[in-house]
């Protein structure tokens, strides 16, 4: 379209081409000059979407005006301007008229709860609340008071005002050491002593310079959880004793002591009593399979470890290598390792000649062909070599659907070539190779060559002898052909 036609079409459709004062090249919003043409482009669902390339800027602007985004931009441009931001005094009067209270906070830079300052914005005051475990945005405002009013209108803001207006609950008086001990006895709890703590109690630390100098904390989900600060260490220890962690620690302390570690002789006798076998290992410094030495573990340095479900699993730490080997022998993995060690040794691998003869016999039995390849290191088509796989380094593979498909790994190249020959791709490659190796057909004779060379042809039905002439003969009549225009027997 020419510019005039695009403008008339926009008027006919009741559309408005959105002008842009900042886009000097085209003069229209979301219209860009690109390689001698004009592109209409907009942002939709977080991505730029091209509406096409046009000969004139007006035609591109018409395509944008027809889009939902273009119609929304026109509506926004025609909407009445937003009211000017409220002054602090006007906000306070409106809050009073609505019966709301703007919650003050001394620790906030804005002076109000639920309001933060974001620099670099025309409306830098951000109102937000914490709802369902997430920060919910309430909007951006020109003044802190207007943002605080928005926060005060929310359910969270009303709850904060009610909590601030409620009288604080009186704090219970601090317990003396004797009261804390009596309370623990009443609740059936045990305050866990600790010789390594300066407070004398487990999970209780001392904070100097505080009126409540004794801090109670436990480790939960890998993090330290603060339980509070108290006047006496006994009260802090009582709070620790009430937690699940404190109860578990008390139960562990009350449990009978673990049996002493086995000596090497006791572990070996126990292995014999249970009918187990501990597997020796010459490559392991401990002398046993599945047993490792850990320098960090001083009292029990021998670690039993195995591979299970694709992961390394630690069974435990022990004082002697024999006891660790006993626990390894009790596992399913240990029993399987003993069974594998007791199994007869596998047959030695075939030599290259044996593998070739066997693969050729099998291919011949199946009517297949092992395709040779001079460009492959393995000597066979569809067979690669993988240095990382020591026992079965030959890999059969095909290209299928534009992707490389692995058919498996094999000990010999001939076995991999046989696997490749069984695939549809291998059969097709063998057929193509056989067709390429066949002798070419002779070219057809020219007219001159046909006339100069005697050729045989069979008689036509009209030229065949009559059946009556051959009825007396018991033998089959000889075939009759024409050679250089004369009848002869074939």
Protein backbone atom coordinates (compact mmCIF):
# COMPACT_ATOMS: atom_id res chain seq x y z
CA UNK A 1 0.00 0.00 0.00
CA UNK A 2 0.99 3.57 -0.48
CA UNK A 3 0.95 5.80 2.62
CA UNK A 4 -2.32 7.40 1.47
CA UNK A 5 -3.99 4.00 0.93
CA UNK A 6 -2.87 2.81 4.39
CA UNK A 7 -4.27 5.95 6.03
CA UNK A 8 -7.60 5.62 4.18
CA UNK A 9 -7.78 1.89 5.15
CA UNK A 10 -7.14 2.75 8.83
CA UNK A 11 -9.92 5.35 8.71
CA UNK A 12 -12.26 2.85 7.04
CA UNK A 13 -11.57 0.26 9.80
CA UNK A 14 -11.86 2.85 12.56
CA UNK A 15 -8.23 2.39 13.61
CA UNK A 16 -5.62 4.85 14.78
CA UNK A 17 -2.00 4.67 13.72
CA UNK A 18 -0.01 5.23 16.89
CA UNK A 19 2.58 7.96 16.42
CA UNK A 20 5.93 7.92 18.26
CA UNK A 21 7.97 11.00 19.04
CA UNK A 22 11.06 8.91 19.90
CA UNK A 23 11.06 6.75 16.76
CA UNK A 24 12.53 9.30 14.33
CA UNK A 25 13.13 6.88 11.42
CA UNK A 26 9.55 5.67 11.00
CA UNK A 27 7.49 8.02 13.17
CA UNK A 28 5.25 5.18 14.40
CA UNK A 29 5.20 3.02 17.53
CA UNK A 30 6.56 -0.53 17.04
CA UNK A 31 7.52 0.14 13.40
CA UNK A 32 11.20 -0.29 12.51
CA UNK A 33 13.23 0.28 9.35
CA UNK A 34 14.93 -2.94 8.26
CA UNK A 35 16.96 -3.41 5.04
CA UNK A 36 14.90 -1.00 2.96
CA UNK A 37 11.53 -2.19 4.30
CA UNK A 38 9.41 -1.46 7.36
CA UNK A 39 8.86 -4.13 10.02
CA UNK A 40 5.92 -4.17 12.44
CA UNK A 41 7.00 -5.85 15.68
CA UNK A 42 5.49 -6.12 19.18
CA UNK A 43 6.07 -7.87 22.47
CA UNK A 44 3.68 -10.72 23.33
CA UNK A 45 3.93 -13.19 26.24
CA UNK A 46 7.43 -11.98 27.02
CA UNK A 47 8.68 -12.46 23.43
CA UNK A 48 9.07 -10.25 20.38
CA UNK A 49 6.64 -11.16 17.58
CA UNK A 50 7.10 -9.92 14.00
CA UNK A 51 3.90 -8.94 12.18
CA UNK A 52 5.63 -8.74 8.78
CA UNK A 53 7.67 -6.55 6.44
CA UNK A 54 5.95 -3.77 4.46
CA UNK A 55 6.80 -1.29 1.75
CA UNK A 56 5.75 1.79 3.75
CA UNK A 57 5.81 2.80 7.40
CA UNK A 58 2.07 3.52 7.27
CA UNK A 59 1.23 -0.01 6.11
CA UNK A 60 3.37 -1.46 8.95
CA UNK A 61 1.66 0.89 11.43
CA UNK A 62 -1.72 -0.34 10.12
CA UNK A 63 -0.70 -3.97 10.81
CA UNK A 64 0.28 -3.00 14.37
CA UNK A 65 -2.97 -1.04 14.87
CA UNK A 66 -4.97 -4.17 13.93
CA UNK A 67 -3.31 -6.25 16.67
CA UNK A 68 -4.77 -6.52 20.21
CA UNK A 69 -1.64 -4.81 21.54
CA UNK A 70 -2.09 -1.93 19.11
CA UNK A 71 -5.75 -1.47 20.05
CA UNK A 72 -4.78 -1.51 23.75
CA UNK A 73 -2.08 1.11 23.12
CA UNK A 74 -4.61 3.38 21.38
CA UNK A 75 -7.09 2.92 24.23
CA UNK A 76 -4.39 3.78 26.78
CA UNK A 77 -3.40 6.88 24.82
CA UNK A 78 -7.03 8.05 24.65
CA UNK A 79 -7.74 7.30 28.34
CA UNK A 80 -7.94 10.28 30.69
CA UNK A 81 -4.66 11.02 32.47
CA UNK A 82 -4.12 9.40 35.86
CA UNK A 83 -4.85 11.59 38.85
CA UNK A 84 -1.84 13.31 40.37
CA UNK A 85 -0.22 11.50 43.33
CA UNK A 86 -1.74 12.28 46.72
CA UNK A 87 0.14 14.42 49.15
CA UNK A 88 1.05 13.03 52.57
CA UNK A 89 -1.64 15.18 54.21
CA UNK A 90 -4.32 14.00 51.79
CA UNK A 91 -3.37 10.35 52.43
CA UNK A 92 -3.56 10.80 56.20
CA UNK A 93 -6.99 12.44 55.89
CA UNK A 94 -8.23 9.61 53.65
CA UNK A 95 -6.89 6.97 56.07
CA UNK A 96 -8.70 8.69 58.92
CA UNK A 97 -11.90 8.83 56.87
CA UNK A 98 -11.64 5.07 56.17
CA UNK A 99 -10.84 4.28 59.80
CA UNK A 100 -7.39 2.91 58.93
CA UNK A 101 -4.06 3.30 60.68
CA UNK A 102 -0.74 3.60 58.88
CA UNK A 103 1.61 1.27 60.76
CA UNK A 104 4.85 3.03 61.69
CA UNK A 105 8.15 1.11 61.88
CA UNK A 106 11.37 2.66 63.15
CA UNK A 107 13.61 0.09 61.45
CA UNK A 108 12.26 0.85 57.92
CA UNK A 109 13.83 3.61 55.82
CA UNK A 110 10.37 4.64 54.65
CA UNK A 111 9.02 4.82 58.21
CA UNK A 112 6.10 2.51 57.45
CA UNK A 113 5.51 -1.24 57.73
CA UNK A 114 5.06 -3.04 54.41
CA UNK A 115 6.68 -0.20 52.43
CA UNK A 116 10.18 -0.26 50.89
CA UNK A 117 12.05 2.28 48.78
CA UNK A 118 13.18 1.35 45.24
CA UNK A 119 15.54 3.92 43.73
CA UNK A 120 15.43 4.80 40.04
CA UNK A 121 11.64 4.65 39.67
CA UNK A 122 9.14 7.44 39.11
CA UNK A 123 7.04 5.83 41.84
CA UNK A 124 9.75 4.52 44.18
CA UNK A 125 7.65 3.41 47.17
CA UNK A 126 6.74 -0.26 46.98
CA UNK A 127 3.84 -1.66 49.03
CA UNK A 128 3.92 -5.42 49.63
CA UNK A 129 2.69 -8.10 52.05
CA UNK A 130 3.76 -11.63 52.99
CA UNK A 131 0.98 -14.02 51.89
CA UNK A 132 1.01 -17.83 51.62
CA UNK A 133 4.76 -17.94 52.08
CA UNK A 134 5.44 -15.43 49.28
CA UNK A 135 5.93 -11.68 48.92
CA UNK A 136 2.89 -10.22 47.13
CA UNK A 137 3.25 -6.93 45.29
CA UNK A 138 0.54 -4.34 46.04
CA UNK A 139 1.87 -1.58 43.79
CA UNK A 140 4.29 1.33 43.44
CA UNK A 141 3.45 4.84 44.64
CA UNK A 142 4.88 8.35 44.56
CA UNK A 143 4.80 8.85 48.34
CA UNK A 144 5.47 6.55 51.28
CA UNK A 145 2.13 7.53 52.84
CA UNK A 146 0.16 6.43 49.76
CA UNK A 147 1.97 3.05 49.77
CA UNK A 148 1.33 2.72 53.53
CA UNK A 149 -2.38 3.39 52.92
CA UNK A 150 -2.48 0.59 50.33
CA UNK A 151 -0.81 -1.75 52.85
CA UNK A 152 -3.25 -0.70 55.60
CA UNK A 153 -6.20 -1.65 53.36
CA UNK A 154 -4.94 -5.26 52.98
CA UNK A 155 -5.97 -8.06 55.40
CA UNK A 156 -2.33 -8.33 56.52
CA UNK A 157 -2.22 -4.60 57.24
CA UNK A 158 -5.41 -4.73 59.31
CA UNK A 159 -4.03 -7.72 61.25
CA UNK A 160 -0.78 -5.83 61.90
CA UNK A 161 -2.73 -2.86 63.24
CA UNK A 162 -4.79 -5.13 65.52
CA UNK A 163 -1.64 -6.83 66.81
CA UNK A 164 0.03 -3.50 67.47
CA UNK A 165 -3.04 -2.21 69.31
CA UNK A 166 -3.39 -5.32 71.51
CA UNK A 167 -1.64 -5.11 74.87
CA UNK A 168 1.50 -7.25 74.94
CA UNK A 169 1.22 -10.48 76.88
CA UNK A 170 3.17 -10.34 80.10
CA UNK A 171 6.41 -12.30 79.86
CA UNK A 172 6.72 -15.11 82.40
CA UNK A 173 9.23 -14.38 85.15
CA UNK A 174 12.60 -16.04 84.65
CA UNK A 175 13.08 -19.39 86.39
CA UNK A 176 15.71 -19.92 89.01
CA UNK A 177 18.01 -22.91 88.68
CA UNK A 178 16.06 -24.81 91.34
CA UNK A 179 12.70 -24.08 89.63
CA UNK A 180 14.02 -25.29 86.27
CA UNK A 181 15.31 -28.54 87.81
CA UNK A 182 11.98 -29.17 89.60
CA UNK A 183 10.03 -28.45 86.38
CA UNK A 184 12.19 -30.91 84.43
CA UNK A 185 11.48 -33.56 87.07
CA UNK A 186 7.73 -32.85 86.89
CA UNK A 187 7.75 -33.22 83.06
CA UNK A 188 9.94 -36.32 83.19
CA UNK A 189 12.74 -34.65 81.27
CA UNK A 190 16.51 -34.93 81.59
CA UNK A 191 18.80 -31.92 81.39
CA UNK A 192 21.79 -33.18 79.44
CA UNK A 193 25.11 -32.29 81.05
CA UNK A 194 28.17 -31.51 78.91
CA UNK A 195 31.73 -31.33 80.15
CA UNK A 196 32.83 -29.58 76.96
CA UNK A 197 30.42 -26.64 77.39
CA UNK A 198 31.21 -23.66 79.60
CA UNK A 199 27.58 -23.62 80.74
CA UNK A 200 27.68 -27.27 81.82
CA UNK A 201 24.74 -28.21 79.61
CA UNK A 202 24.49 -29.59 76.08
CA UNK A 203 23.27 -27.12 73.41
CA UNK A 204 23.45 -24.16 75.83
CA UNK A 205 25.99 -21.39 75.17
CA UNK A 206 26.96 -18.24 77.10
CA UNK A 207 26.61 -14.71 75.68
CA UNK A 208 28.57 -12.12 77.62
CA UNK A 209 27.09 -8.69 78.26
CA UNK A 210 23.46 -9.82 78.04
CA UNK A 211 20.81 -9.80 80.77
CA UNK A 212 19.65 -13.15 79.42
CA UNK A 213 23.07 -14.57 78.77
CA UNK A 214 22.25 -18.26 78.18
CA UNK A 215 21.25 -19.20 74.65
CA UNK A 216 19.47 -22.47 73.81
CA UNK A 217 19.74 -23.91 70.30
CA UNK A 218 19.49 -27.22 68.46
CA UNK A 219 20.52 -28.42 65.01
CA UNK A 220 17.49 -29.18 62.83
CA UNK A 221 17.49 -30.04 59.11
CA UNK A 222 21.17 -29.15 58.90
CA UNK A 223 20.72 -25.68 60.42
CA UNK A 224 21.10 -24.22 63.91
CA UNK A 225 17.67 -23.31 65.34
CA UNK A 226 17.62 -20.63 68.07
CA UNK A 227 15.25 -21.50 70.92
CA UNK A 228 15.70 -18.28 72.90
CA UNK A 229 17.83 -16.59 75.57
CA UNK A 230 17.37 -17.19 79.29
CA UNK A 231 18.59 -15.97 82.65
CA UNK A 232 19.92 -19.30 83.93
CA UNK A 233 21.57 -22.21 82.11
CA UNK A 234 19.11 -24.61 83.72
CA UNK A 235 16.13 -22.83 82.15
CA UNK A 236 17.85 -22.90 78.73
CA UNK A 237 18.64 -26.62 79.18
CA UNK A 238 14.96 -27.23 80.08
CA UNK A 239 13.85 -25.65 76.78
CA UNK A 240 16.35 -27.86 74.90
CA UNK A 241 15.11 -30.96 76.75
CA UNK A 242 11.54 -30.25 75.56
CA UNK A 243 12.48 -30.43 71.86
CA UNK A 244 12.44 -33.65 69.80
CA UNK A 245 16.20 -33.32 69.46
CA UNK A 246 16.62 -33.03 73.22
CA UNK A 247 14.42 -36.06 73.90
CA UNK A 248 16.34 -38.10 71.30
CA UNK A 249 19.68 -37.09 72.84
CA UNK A 250 18.42 -38.05 76.32
CA UNK A 251 17.21 -41.44 75.04
CA UNK A 252 20.59 -42.05 73.38
CA UNK A 253 22.42 -41.15 76.58
CA UNK A 254 20.18 -43.50 78.61
CA UNK A 255 20.62 -46.41 76.18
CA UNK A 256 23.00 -49.20 77.21
CA UNK A 257 26.53 -48.67 75.95
CA UNK A 258 27.48 -50.20 72.64
CA UNK A 259 29.37 -53.50 72.85
CA UNK A 260 33.14 -53.19 72.69
CA UNK A 261 34.68 -53.51 69.23
CA UNK A 262 35.63 -56.99 68.07
CA UNK A 263 39.23 -58.04 67.88
CA UNK A 264 40.51 -59.46 64.60
CA UNK A 265 40.33 -63.02 66.00
CA UNK A 266 36.75 -62.55 67.28
CA UNK A 267 35.62 -61.18 63.88
CA UNK A 268 37.14 -64.14 62.01
CA UNK A 269 35.53 -66.63 64.42
CA UNK A 270 32.16 -64.89 63.90
CA UNK A 271 32.61 -65.13 60.13
CA UNK A 272 33.16 -68.87 60.46
CA UNK A 273 30.17 -69.25 62.80
CA UNK A 274 27.85 -67.51 60.32
CA UNK A 275 29.22 -69.49 57.36
CA UNK A 276 30.48 -66.37 55.61
CA UNK A 277 33.62 -65.62 53.64
CA UNK A 278 35.64 -62.42 53.87
CA UNK A 279 37.10 -61.52 50.50
CA UNK A 280 40.79 -60.70 50.41
CA UNK A 281 42.06 -57.93 48.13
CA UNK A 282 45.68 -57.45 47.18
CA UNK A 283 45.04 -53.99 45.72
CA UNK A 284 43.39 -52.66 48.92
CA UNK A 285 45.64 -51.34 51.71
CA UNK A 286 43.31 -52.91 54.31
CA UNK A 287 43.67 -56.34 52.71
CA UNK A 288 39.90 -56.83 52.36
CA UNK A 289 37.38 -56.07 49.63
CA UNK A 290 34.87 -53.33 50.53
CA UNK A 291 36.99 -52.11 53.48
CA UNK A 292 38.79 -48.75 53.40
CA UNK A 293 40.98 -46.85 55.84
CA UNK A 294 39.86 -43.36 56.93
CA UNK A 295 42.58 -41.25 58.54
CA UNK A 296 40.03 -38.82 60.04
CA UNK A 297 38.29 -41.53 62.09
CA UNK A 298 40.70 -42.08 64.97
CA UNK A 299 38.96 -44.69 67.13
CA UNK A 300 37.22 -46.57 64.29
CA UNK A 301 39.29 -45.97 61.16
CA UNK A 302 38.10 -48.93 59.06
CA UNK A 303 35.10 -48.10 56.88
CA UNK A 304 32.83 -50.59 55.14
CA UNK A 305 31.57 -49.18 51.86
CA UNK A 306 29.85 -50.67 48.80
CA UNK A 307 28.19 -49.65 45.55
CA UNK A 308 24.37 -49.88 45.61
CA UNK A 309 21.79 -48.40 43.25
CA UNK A 310 24.43 -46.42 41.40
CA UNK A 311 25.65 -44.76 44.61
CA UNK A 312 28.38 -45.33 47.16
CA UNK A 313 26.81 -46.50 50.46
CA UNK A 314 28.69 -46.47 53.78
CA UNK A 315 27.80 -49.39 56.08
CA UNK A 316 29.74 -48.19 59.13
CA UNK A 317 33.08 -47.57 60.87
CA UNK A 318 34.92 -50.24 62.85
CA UNK A 319 38.02 -50.64 65.00
CA UNK A 320 39.51 -53.51 62.98
CA UNK A 321 39.63 -54.37 59.31
CA UNK A 322 38.32 -57.87 60.06
CA UNK A 323 35.15 -56.54 61.73
CA UNK A 324 34.55 -54.20 58.77
CA UNK A 325 35.05 -57.15 56.39
CA UNK A 326 32.53 -59.16 58.44
CA UNK A 327 29.86 -56.50 57.93
CA UNK A 328 30.64 -56.36 54.20
CA UNK A 329 30.30 -60.14 53.96
CA UNK A 330 26.81 -59.92 55.55
CA UNK A 331 25.48 -57.62 52.79
CA UNK A 332 23.83 -58.92 49.59
CA UNK A 333 26.65 -57.31 47.63
CA UNK A 334 29.24 -59.13 49.73
CA UNK A 335 27.50 -62.50 49.27
CA UNK A 336 27.27 -61.86 45.49
CA UNK A 337 30.98 -61.02 45.37
CA UNK A 338 31.82 -64.30 47.18
CA UNK A 339 29.63 -66.27 44.74
CA UNK A 340 31.32 -64.56 41.78
CA UNK A 341 34.76 -65.32 43.16
CA UNK A 342 33.81 -69.00 43.67
CA UNK A 343 32.39 -69.36 40.14
CA UNK A 344 34.55 -71.16 37.56
CA UNK A 345 36.71 -68.82 35.50
CA UNK A 346 35.28 -67.59 32.23
CA UNK A 347 36.51 -69.08 28.99
CA UNK A 348 39.49 -67.24 27.50
CA UNK A 349 38.59 -64.77 24.77
CA UNK A 350 38.80 -65.94 21.17
CA UNK A 351 41.70 -64.95 19.01
CA UNK A 352 41.10 -62.65 16.04
CA UNK A 353 41.28 -65.62 13.64
CA UNK A 354 38.81 -67.70 15.64
CA UNK A 355 36.44 -64.75 15.92
CA UNK A 356 36.65 -64.12 12.18
CA UNK A 357 35.96 -67.75 11.28
CA UNK A 358 33.05 -68.00 13.70
CA UNK A 359 31.51 -64.70 12.51
CA UNK A 360 31.87 -65.74 8.86
CA UNK A 361 30.23 -69.12 9.50
CA UNK A 362 27.34 -67.43 11.33
CA UNK A 363 26.95 -64.79 8.60
CA UNK A 364 26.94 -67.49 5.92
CA UNK A 365 24.32 -69.47 7.86
CA UNK A 366 22.10 -66.38 8.04
CA UNK A 367 22.81 -65.31 4.45
CA UNK A 368 24.52 -62.08 5.53
CA UNK A 369 27.63 -60.23 4.37
CA UNK A 370 30.19 -58.57 6.66
CA UNK A 371 30.97 -55.32 4.87
CA UNK A 372 34.63 -54.36 4.76
CA UNK A 373 35.67 -50.70 5.00
CA UNK A 374 39.12 -49.33 4.24
CA UNK A 375 38.34 -46.00 5.92
CA UNK A 376 37.42 -47.60 9.28
CA UNK A 377 40.12 -48.48 11.80
CA UNK A 378 38.24 -51.67 12.63
CA UNK A 379 38.14 -52.78 8.98
CA UNK A 380 34.34 -53.09 8.94
CA UNK A 381 31.52 -50.75 8.02
CA UNK A 382 29.29 -49.72 10.95
CA UNK A 383 31.91 -50.72 13.55
CA UNK A 384 33.82 -48.20 15.69
CA UNK A 385 36.50 -48.56 18.35
CA UNK A 386 36.06 -47.14 21.90
CA UNK A 387 39.23 -46.86 23.99
CA UNK A 388 37.28 -46.39 27.22
CA UNK A 389 35.68 -49.85 27.14
CA UNK A 390 38.50 -52.29 27.77
CA UNK A 391 36.73 -55.66 27.60
CA UNK A 392 34.35 -54.85 24.71
CA UNK A 393 35.91 -52.00 22.74
CA UNK A 394 34.17 -52.62 19.39
CA UNK A 395 30.90 -50.75 19.02
CA UNK A 396 28.29 -51.48 16.33
CA UNK A 397 26.28 -48.45 15.28
CA UNK A 398 23.98 -47.19 12.52
CA UNK A 399 22.57 -43.84 11.47
CA UNK A 400 18.79 -43.98 11.81
CA UNK A 401 16.38 -41.08 11.53
CA UNK A 402 19.28 -38.63 11.30
CA UNK A 403 20.74 -39.84 14.62
CA UNK A 404 23.52 -42.25 15.50
CA UNK A 405 22.09 -45.36 17.19
CA UNK A 406 24.35 -47.70 19.19
CA UNK A 407 23.69 -51.43 18.68
CA UNK A 408 26.01 -52.62 21.46
CA UNK A 409 29.62 -53.23 22.41
CA UNK A 410 31.50 -56.41 21.51
CA UNK A 411 34.83 -58.08 22.20
CA UNK A 412 35.75 -58.50 18.51
CA UNK A 413 35.24 -56.41 15.39
CA UNK A 414 33.75 -59.40 13.55
CA UNK A 415 31.02 -59.88 16.16
CA UNK A 416 30.14 -56.17 15.92
CA UNK A 417 30.12 -56.37 12.11
CA UNK A 418 27.73 -59.36 12.29
CA UNK A 419 25.39 -57.34 14.52
CA UNK A 420 25.49 -54.46 12.00
CA UNK A 421 24.85 -56.86 9.09
CA UNK A 422 21.62 -58.04 10.76
CA UNK A 423 20.08 -54.54 10.75
CA UNK A 424 17.95 -53.13 7.90
CA UNK A 425 20.69 -50.57 7.31
CA UNK A 426 23.33 -53.32 7.09
CA UNK A 427 21.26 -55.39 4.66
CA UNK A 428 20.65 -52.31 2.48
CA UNK A 429 24.37 -51.48 2.49
CA UNK A 430 25.23 -55.08 1.51
CA UNK A 431 22.69 -54.99 -1.34
CA UNK A 432 24.12 -51.68 -2.59
CA UNK A 433 27.67 -53.06 -2.43
CA UNK A 434 26.63 -56.20 -4.36
CA UNK A 435 24.91 -54.11 -7.02
CA UNK A 436 27.99 -51.93 -7.40
CA UNK A 437 30.23 -55.02 -7.77
CA UNK A 438 28.05 -56.71 -10.48
CA UNK A 439 29.36 -56.44 -14.12
CA UNK A 440 27.64 -53.70 -16.12
CA UNK A 441 25.11 -54.69 -18.80
CA UNK A 442 26.30 -54.29 -22.43
CA UNK A 443 25.11 -51.12 -24.11
CA UNK A 444 22.27 -51.50 -26.65
CA UNK A 445 23.25 -51.94 -30.36
CA UNK A 446 22.85 -49.10 -32.74
CA UNK A 447 20.82 -49.58 -35.94
CA UNK A 448 23.98 -50.01 -38.03
CA UNK A 449 25.42 -52.57 -35.56
CA UNK A 450 22.17 -54.52 -35.56
CA UNK A 451 22.10 -54.75 -39.40
CA UNK A 452 25.76 -55.69 -39.67
CA UNK A 453 25.73 -58.38 -36.98
CA UNK A 454 23.76 -61.65 -37.29
CA UNK A 455 21.22 -61.91 -34.51
CA UNK A 456 18.84 -64.69 -33.64
CA UNK A 457 15.16 -64.11 -33.05
CA UNK A 458 12.22 -66.40 -32.44
CA UNK A 459 9.55 -66.93 -35.03
CA UNK A 460 6.35 -64.98 -34.85
CA UNK A 461 3.07 -66.99 -34.59
CA UNK A 462 2.48 -66.52 -38.33
CA UNK A 463 5.95 -67.98 -39.11
CA UNK A 464 5.62 -71.05 -36.88
CA UNK A 465 5.14 -74.44 -38.72
CA UNK A 466 1.66 -75.86 -38.82
CA UNK A 467 0.72 -78.28 -36.03
CA UNK A 468 -0.32 -80.89 -38.60
CA UNK A 469 3.27 -81.10 -39.83
CA UNK A 470 4.49 -82.03 -36.37
CA UNK A 471 1.66 -84.31 -35.21
CA UNK A 472 3.41 -87.53 -36.32
CA UNK A 473 6.48 -86.90 -34.20
CA UNK A 474 6.45 -88.22 -30.62
CA UNK A 475 9.33 -85.97 -29.60
CA UNK A 476 9.03 -82.25 -28.84
CA UNK A 477 9.56 -80.21 -31.98
CA UNK A 478 12.86 -78.40 -32.12
CA UNK A 479 12.89 -74.68 -31.55
CA UNK A 480 13.10 -72.78 -34.81
CA UNK A 481 14.84 -69.46 -35.14
CA UNK A 482 15.74 -67.14 -37.99
CA UNK A 483 19.43 -66.43 -38.56
CA UNK A 484 20.17 -63.77 -41.17
CA UNK A 485 16.74 -64.28 -42.73
CA UNK A 486 16.97 -68.14 -43.00
CA UNK A 487 15.20 -70.80 -40.86
CA UNK A 488 17.56 -72.89 -38.73
CA UNK A 489 17.17 -75.29 -35.81
CA UNK A 490 18.31 -74.01 -32.45
